[in-house]
Structures are given as C-alpha cells and as structure tokens.
Amino acid sequence: MRLDSGDGAMKLFRKDRAPEQNASDGASGSALSRERLLRTLKTKGLSAFKNMSAEEQRRVWDWTKDVILHYRKVLERNPANIRPVEELPFSKEEIMLAIKLSLPLYAQKNIHSMVKNLKTIYKELGVFQSIDTDDKEKLKKTSVRQDKASAKQYREALEIHEKYMEMVVFEKKSLVEEINNFVNRMEALRPKP
C-alpha cells in the first residue's frame, strides 16, 4: 500500500500547535528522525514499517497515538457538519496515515470496536473543508444573527452551506470506500487461524 501526495515534504507538526504538544518529541534530532521515518512510510508504503527497527517502530507508534488523540479532541469539541480544515491539528494526509498505521494492530488483536471507531473518524475527515474567507464571514454573520438575518442573507447562507455539504458528502463517500478497501486488503493478507 503506497500513500501518494501532491507536496513532497511531510511536516511532522503544524507550526501553530502549542509548544507543549511538541515537547513530547524530545530533542530536535528525534523529531527529524521521526519525520524521516514518516516520509519513508509515505513513499514506500506501510510495508516499510516491518523493515524498521524496534526503536523506529516505537517512535512511529507514539506519533500515531499523538495524531489520533489530538484529532479526536478536535472532533469532540465541535460536531458541526462543515468545518474549516484549519481546525485540524495535523494535515489530512498525516491523520490518514496515522489511522492506517493503527488499524492493523487493532485488527490483529480483534479489537473490532476500535477498528470501527478508526474507520468512522477516518470518514469524518470529510467534514473538514477549505472554506473561502468570504464564505466564512457570511456564514458566521448569519449564524450569529440567525433571527435577524434577511431573506437574502439566509438564502446566501443556505447556498454556501449546500456548496460545502456537497463537497463533504462527496469526500466522505470517497473516504469510506478508501478505508473499507484498505481494511479488506488488510484482512485478506492476514493469516487465517
């Protein structure tokens, strides 16, 4: 399984994250080493994990747990159907990689509830969209003063909402198909008892 992306470099942490969130990395050498490991996983696929040393696997596993934990917190804070992608603590690509790295462990241990949960939060990445600045302002103004919004403002807000909901629905469908295919391939490769 290979993960492809448009931009060559994978950032390990977003610049706007709080320092205490990066403190767990230890020295900057450790963070660079982890970034190298993640880049290897991204370019060579998940099978590269098997070729890593136990220490490298531990670093990657720690990273996956951190990514999933912070992503879950973001999901719990705001259950809206359309959200700005800037709310994500990591890029969508990094979150997808962390979930895909975690799934085989939980599947191997037959922790079906966790597999189901990871598939669900994978799909929920679809609610995070790049929302135009003008659209954000119109939606914000209308939602703050919903009872005082004119019919024109309300129609505009509805049109904007529909535009982004179409994107959300399309992306969620794609993500469901992608993660289900991943899990099916993973199950097919698993040795039968």
C-alpha atoms as a PDB file:
ATOM      1  CA  MET A   1       0.000   0.000   0.000  1.00  0.00           C
ATOM      2  CA  ARG A   2       1.508   3.308  -1.052  1.00  0.00           C
ATOM      3  CA  LEU A   3       0.389   6.753   0.033  1.00  0.00           C
ATOM      4  CA  ASP A   4       0.892   9.484  -2.552  1.00  0.00           C
ATOM      5  CA  SER A   5       0.668  13.218  -2.079  1.00  0.00           C
ATOM      6  CA  GLY A   6       0.998  16.360  -4.109  1.00  0.00           C
ATOM      7  CA  ASP A   7       3.625  18.126  -2.000  1.00  0.00           C
ATOM      8  CA  GLY A   8       6.920  16.348  -1.470  1.00  0.00           C
ATOM      9  CA  ALA A   9       7.656  17.150   2.152  1.00  0.00           C
ATOM     10  CA  MET A  10       5.590  15.897   5.081  1.00  0.00           C
ATOM     11  CA  LYS A  11       5.511  18.279   8.013  1.00  0.00           C
ATOM     12  CA  LEU A  12       5.550  16.463  11.301  1.00  0.00           C
ATOM     13  CA  PHE A  13       3.793  19.139  13.299  1.00  0.00           C
ATOM     14  CA  ARG A  14       1.912  22.228  12.266  1.00  0.00           C
ATOM     15  CA  LYS A  15       3.620  25.456  13.275  1.00  0.00           C
ATOM     16  CA  ASP A  16       0.564  26.763  15.113  1.00  0.00           C
ATOM     17  CA  ARG A  17       0.477  23.889  17.630  1.00  0.00           C
ATOM     18  CA  ALA A  18       1.213  24.674  21.229  1.00  0.00           C
ATOM     19  CA  PRO A  19       4.826  24.091  22.381  1.00  0.00           C
ATOM     20  CA  GLU A  20       3.729  21.526  24.968  1.00  0.00           C
ATOM     21  CA  GLN A  21       2.330  19.398  22.167  1.00  0.00           C
ATOM     22  CA  ASN A  22       5.760  19.288  20.550  1.00  0.00           C
ATOM     23  CA  ALA A  23       7.591  18.796  23.851  1.00  0.00           C
ATOM     24  CA  SER A  24       6.975  15.066  23.784  1.00  0.00           C
ATOM     25  CA  ASP A  25       9.322  14.834  20.811  1.00  0.00           C
ATOM     26  CA  GLY A  26      12.420  15.378  22.922  1.00  0.00           C
ATOM     27  CA  ALA A  27      15.415  16.708  21.043  1.00  0.00           C
ATOM     28  CA  SER A  28      15.033  18.135  17.573  1.00  0.00           C
ATOM     29  CA  GLY A  29      17.122  15.211  16.281  1.00  0.00           C
ATOM     30  CA  SER A  30      14.397  12.865  17.453  1.00  0.00           C
ATOM     31  CA  ALA A  31      11.763  14.910  15.613  1.00  0.00           C
ATOM     32  CA  LEU A  32      13.867  14.916  12.442  1.00  0.00           C
ATOM     33  CA  SER A  33      14.380  11.196  12.731  1.00  0.00           C
ATOM     34  CA  ARG A  34      10.635  10.674  13.140  1.00  0.00           C
ATOM     35  CA  GLU A  35       9.972  12.922  10.153  1.00  0.00           C
ATOM     36  CA  ARG A  36      12.391  10.801   8.104  1.00  0.00           C
ATOM     37  CA  LEU A  37      10.591   7.635   9.220  1.00  0.00           C
ATOM     38  CA  LEU A  38       7.211   9.050   8.301  1.00  0.00           C
ATOM     39  CA  ARG A  39       8.497  10.192   4.915  1.00  0.00           C
ATOM     40  CA  THR A  40       9.751   6.645   4.324  1.00  0.00           C
ATOM     41  CA  LEU A  41       6.315   5.257   5.197  1.00  0.00           C
ATOM     42  CA  LYS A  42       4.680   7.760   2.894  1.00  0.00           C
ATOM     43  CA  THR A  43       6.894   6.982  -0.091  1.00  0.00           C
ATOM     44  CA  LYS A  44       7.379   3.232   0.345  1.00  0.00           C
ATOM     45  CA  GLY A  45       4.040   2.372   1.874  1.00  0.00           C
ATOM     46  CA  LEU A  46       3.006   0.729   5.102  1.00  0.00           C
ATOM     47  CA  SER A  47       5.112  -2.347   4.415  1.00  0.00           C
ATOM     48  CA  ALA A  48       8.175  -0.185   5.217  1.00  0.00           C
ATOM     49  CA  PHE A  49       7.061  -0.347   8.874  1.00  0.00           C
ATOM     50  CA  LYS A  50       8.151  -4.001   9.023  1.00  0.00           C
ATOM     51  CA  ASN A  51      11.701  -3.075   7.981  1.00  0.00           C
ATOM     52  CA  MET A  52      12.124  -0.507  10.761  1.00  0.00           C
ATOM     53  CA  SER A  53      13.989  -1.195  13.965  1.00  0.00           C
ATOM     54  CA  ALA A  54      12.015  -1.650  17.172  1.00  0.00           C
ATOM     55  CA  GLU A  55      13.000   1.888  18.254  1.00  0.00           C
ATOM     56  CA  GLU A  56      11.860   3.365  14.930  1.00  0.00           C
ATOM     57  CA  GLN A  57       8.575   1.474  15.141  1.00  0.00           C
ATOM     58  CA  ARG A  58       8.063   2.788  18.686  1.00  0.00           C
ATOM     59  CA  ARG A  59       8.638   6.372  17.527  1.00  0.00           C
ATOM     60  CA  VAL A  60       6.153   5.962  14.690  1.00  0.00           C
ATOM     61  CA  TRP A  61       3.636   4.299  17.024  1.00  0.00           C
ATOM     62  CA  ASP A  62       3.981   7.182  19.517  1.00  0.00           C
ATOM     63  CA  TRP A  63       3.391   9.616  16.681  1.00  0.00           C
ATOM     64  CA  THR A  64       0.261   7.767  15.515  1.00  0.00           C
ATOM     65  CA  LYS A  65      -1.200   7.782  19.022  1.00  0.00           C
ATOM     66  CA  ASP A  66      -0.489  11.524  19.348  1.00  0.00           C
ATOM     67  CA  VAL A  67      -2.076  12.335  15.992  1.00  0.00           C
ATOM     68  CA  ILE A  68      -5.204  10.289  16.681  1.00  0.00           C
ATOM     69  CA  LEU A  69      -5.576  11.681  20.211  1.00  0.00           C
ATOM     70  CA  HIS A  70      -5.402  15.308  19.048  1.00  0.00           C
ATOM     71  CA  TYR A  71      -7.665  14.631  16.081  1.00  0.00           C
ATOM     72  CA  ARG A  72     -10.291  13.001  18.326  1.00  0.00           C
ATOM     73  CA  LYS A  73     -10.215  16.033  20.639  1.00  0.00           C
ATOM     74  CA  VAL A  74     -10.937  18.303  17.671  1.00  0.00           C
ATOM     75  CA  LEU A  75     -13.845  16.069  16.609  1.00  0.00           C
ATOM     76  CA  GLU A  76     -15.310  16.063  20.122  1.00  0.00           C
ATOM     77  CA  ARG A  77     -15.104  19.850  20.526  1.00  0.00           C
ATOM     78  CA  ASN A  78     -17.320  20.664  17.585  1.00  0.00           C
ATOM     79  CA  PRO A  79     -19.681  18.166  15.919  1.00  0.00           C
ATOM     80  CA  ALA A  80     -20.573  20.525  13.031  1.00  0.00           C
ATOM     81  CA  ASN A  81     -21.182  19.058   9.575  1.00  0.00           C
ATOM     82  CA  ILE A  82     -18.884  21.552   7.840  1.00  0.00           C
ATOM     83  CA  ARG A  83     -15.674  22.733   9.447  1.00  0.00           C
ATOM     84  CA  PRO A  84     -12.624  24.652   8.276  1.00  0.00           C
ATOM     85  CA  VAL A  85      -9.640  22.452   7.527  1.00  0.00           C
ATOM     86  CA  GLU A  86      -7.527  24.822   9.642  1.00  0.00           C
ATOM     87  CA  GLU A  87      -9.096  23.293  12.778  1.00  0.00           C
ATOM     88  CA  LEU A  88      -7.218  20.043  12.184  1.00  0.00           C
ATOM     89  CA  PRO A  89      -4.181  19.575  14.452  1.00  0.00           C
ATOM     90  CA  PHE A  90      -2.326  17.823  11.586  1.00  0.00           C
ATOM     91  CA  SER A  91      -2.803  17.619   7.830  1.00  0.00           C
ATOM     92  CA  LYS A  92      -5.464  15.254   6.491  1.00  0.00           C
ATOM     93  CA  GLU A  93      -2.685  13.179   4.947  1.00  0.00           C
ATOM     94  CA  GLU A  94      -0.938  12.739   8.300  1.00  0.00           C
ATOM     95  CA  ILE A  95      -4.168  11.788  10.067  1.00  0.00           C
ATOM     96  CA  MET A  96      -4.981   9.273   7.338  1.00  0.00           C
ATOM     97  CA  LEU A  97      -1.508   7.753   7.655  1.00  0.00           C
ATOM     98  CA  ALA A  98      -1.768   7.531  11.457  1.00  0.00           C
ATOM     99  CA  ILE A  99      -5.135   5.766  11.242  1.00  0.00           C
ATOM    100  CA  LYS A 100      -3.906   3.350   8.585  1.00  0.00           C
ATOM    101  CA  LEU A 101      -0.856   2.545  10.687  1.00  0.00           C
ATOM    102  CA  SER A 102      -3.057   1.839  13.721  1.00  0.00           C
ATOM    103  CA  LEU A 103      -5.701  -0.291  12.039  1.00  0.00           C
ATOM    104  CA  PRO A 104      -3.594  -3.458  11.546  1.00  0.00           C
ATOM    105  CA  LEU A 105      -2.684  -3.581  15.237  1.00  0.00           C
ATOM    106  CA  TYR A 106      -6.285  -3.386  16.414  1.00  0.00           C
ATOM    107  CA  ALA A 107      -7.480  -5.776  13.711  1.00  0.00           C
ATOM    108  CA  GLN A 108      -4.784  -8.298  14.648  1.00  0.00           C
ATOM    109  CA  LYS A 109      -5.838  -8.101  18.285  1.00  0.00           C
ATOM    110  CA  ASN A 110      -9.509  -8.486  17.248  1.00  0.00           C
ATOM    111  CA  ILE A 111     -10.481  -5.195  18.858  1.00  0.00           C
ATOM    112  CA  HIS A 112     -13.379  -4.659  16.467  1.00  0.00           C
ATOM    113  CA  SER A 113     -14.792  -1.651  18.311  1.00  0.00           C
ATOM    114  CA  MET A 114     -11.521   0.222  17.804  1.00  0.00           C
ATOM    115  CA  VAL A 115     -11.347  -0.767  14.130  1.00  0.00           C
ATOM    116  CA  LYS A 116     -14.892   0.526  13.679  1.00  0.00           C
ATOM    117  CA  ASN A 117     -14.049   3.727  15.550  1.00  0.00           C
ATOM    118  CA  LEU A 118     -10.929   4.353  13.452  1.00  0.00           C
ATOM    119  CA  LYS A 119     -12.911   3.799  10.255  1.00  0.00           C
ATOM    120  CA  THR A 120     -15.514   6.296  11.460  1.00  0.00           C
ATOM    121  CA  ILE A 121     -13.020   9.008  12.351  1.00  0.00           C
ATOM    122  CA  TYR A 122     -11.260   8.401   9.029  1.00  0.00           C
ATOM    123  CA  LYS A 123     -14.533   9.156   7.236  1.00  0.00           C
ATOM    124  CA  GLU A 124     -15.084  12.246   9.393  1.00  0.00           C
ATOM    125  CA  LEU A 125     -12.052  13.896   7.789  1.00  0.00           C
ATOM    126  CA  GLY A 126     -14.527  14.773   5.037  1.00  0.00           C
ATOM    127  CA  VAL A 127     -16.215  17.427   7.182  1.00  0.00           C
ATOM    128  CA  PHE A 128     -13.011  19.490   7.144  1.00  0.00           C
ATOM    129  CA  GLN A 129     -13.001  21.663   4.049  1.00  0.00           C
ATOM    130  CA  SER A 130     -11.088  24.654   2.722  1.00  0.00           C
ATOM    131  CA  ILE A 131     -13.714  27.346   3.151  1.00  0.00           C
ATOM    132  CA  ASP A 132     -13.315  30.645   1.318  1.00  0.00           C
ATOM    133  CA  THR A 133     -12.778  33.641   3.590  1.00  0.00           C
ATOM    134  CA  ASP A 134     -15.862  35.426   2.185  1.00  0.00           C
ATOM    135  CA  ASP A 135     -17.980  32.333   2.773  1.00  0.00           C
ATOM    136  CA  LYS A 136     -16.718  32.000   6.360  1.00  0.00           C
ATOM    137  CA  GLU A 137     -17.719  35.587   7.090  1.00  0.00           C
ATOM    138  CA  LYS A 138     -21.170  35.236   5.531  1.00  0.00           C
ATOM    139  CA  LEU A 139     -21.835  32.008   7.399  1.00  0.00           C
ATOM    140  CA  LYS A 140     -20.585  33.487  10.661  1.00  0.00           C
ATOM    141  CA  LYS A 141     -22.657  36.654  10.383  1.00  0.00           C
ATOM    142  CA  THR A 142     -25.815  34.753   9.505  1.00  0.00           C
ATOM    143  CA  SER A 143     -25.394  32.138  12.223  1.00  0.00           C
ATOM    144  CA  VAL A 144     -24.728  34.762  14.891  1.00  0.00           C
ATOM    145  CA  ARG A 145     -27.809  36.775  13.930  1.00  0.00           C
ATOM    146  CA  GLN A 146     -29.990  33.996  12.553  1.00  0.00           C
ATOM    147  CA  ASP A 147     -33.222  35.533  13.801  1.00  0.00           C
ATOM    148  CA  LYS A 148     -32.274  38.931  12.351  1.00  0.00           C
ATOM    149  CA  ALA A 149     -30.941  37.670   9.006  1.00  0.00           C
ATOM    150  CA  SER A 150     -32.726  38.983   5.957  1.00  0.00           C
ATOM    151  CA  ALA A 151     -34.236  36.577   3.468  1.00  0.00           C
ATOM    152  CA  LYS A 152     -31.374  37.378   1.076  1.00  0.00           C
ATOM    153  CA  GLN A 153     -28.721  36.693   3.748  1.00  0.00           C
ATOM    154  CA  TYR A 154     -30.472  33.482   4.710  1.00  0.00           C
ATOM    155  CA  ARG A 155     -30.600  32.335   1.058  1.00  0.00           C
ATOM    156  CA  GLU A 156     -26.905  33.176   0.634  1.00  0.00           C
ATOM    157  CA  ALA A 157     -26.029  31.201   3.756  1.00  0.00           C
ATOM    158  CA  LEU A 158     -28.088  28.240   2.526  1.00  0.00           C
ATOM    159  CA  GLU A 159     -26.363  28.308  -0.863  1.00  0.00           C
ATOM    160  CA  ILE A 160     -22.956  28.401   0.802  1.00  0.00           C
ATOM    161  CA  HIS A 161     -23.954  25.585   3.149  1.00  0.00           C
ATOM    162  CA  GLU A 162     -25.191  23.450   0.241  1.00  0.00           C
ATOM    163  CA  LYS A 163     -21.994  24.103  -1.718  1.00  0.00           C
ATOM    164  CA  TYR A 164     -19.806  22.825   1.097  1.00  0.00           C
ATOM    165  CA  MET A 165     -22.164  19.987   2.049  1.00  0.00           C
ATOM    166  CA  GLU A 166     -21.834  18.635  -1.481  1.00  0.00           C
ATOM    167  CA  MET A 167     -18.065  18.638  -1.012  1.00  0.00           C
ATOM    168  CA  VAL A 168     -18.386  16.982   2.417  1.00  0.00           C
ATOM    169  CA  VAL A 169     -20.712  14.242   1.150  1.00  0.00           C
ATOM    170  CA  PHE A 170     -18.506  13.524  -1.862  1.00  0.00           C
ATOM    171  CA  GLU A 171     -15.342  13.359   0.234  1.00  0.00           C
ATOM    172  CA  LYS A 172     -16.946  11.224   2.950  1.00  0.00           C
ATOM    173  CA  LYS A 173     -18.118   8.709   0.336  1.00  0.00           C
ATOM    174  CA  SER A 174     -14.597   8.540  -1.089  1.00  0.00           C
ATOM    175  CA  LEU A 175     -13.058   8.148   2.355  1.00  0.00           C
ATOM    176  CA  VAL A 176     -15.480   5.357   3.315  1.00  0.00           C
ATOM    177  CA  GLU A 177     -14.659   3.487   0.126  1.00  0.00           C
ATOM    178  CA  GLU A 178     -10.923   4.043   0.614  1.00  0.00           C
ATOM    179  CA  ILE A 179     -10.827   2.867   4.247  1.00  0.00           C
ATOM    180  CA  ASN A 180     -13.100  -0.105   3.580  1.00  0.00           C
ATOM    181  CA  ASN A 181     -10.839  -1.188   0.698  1.00  0.00           C
ATOM    182  CA  PHE A 182      -7.813  -0.767   2.957  1.00  0.00           C
ATOM    183  CA  VAL A 183      -9.362  -2.881   5.722  1.00  0.00           C
ATOM    184  CA  ASN A 184     -10.497  -5.539   3.215  1.00  0.00           C
ATOM    185  CA  ARG A 185      -6.987  -5.786   1.728  1.00  0.00           C
ATOM    186  CA  MET A 186      -5.532  -5.911   5.232  1.00  0.00           C
ATOM    187  CA  GLU A 187      -7.936  -8.726   6.227  1.00  0.00           C
ATOM    188  CA  ALA A 188      -7.138 -10.647   3.047  1.00  0.00           C
ATOM    189  CA  LEU A 189      -3.420 -10.561   3.888  1.00  0.00           C
ATOM    190  CA  ARG A 190      -3.942 -11.682   7.458  1.00  0.00           C
ATOM    191  CA  PRO A 191      -3.113 -15.331   8.102  1.00  0.00           C
ATOM    192  CA  LYS A 192      -6.198 -17.432   8.837  1.00  0.00           C
ATOM    193  CA  PRO A 193      -6.237 -19.349  12.154  1.00  0.00           C
END
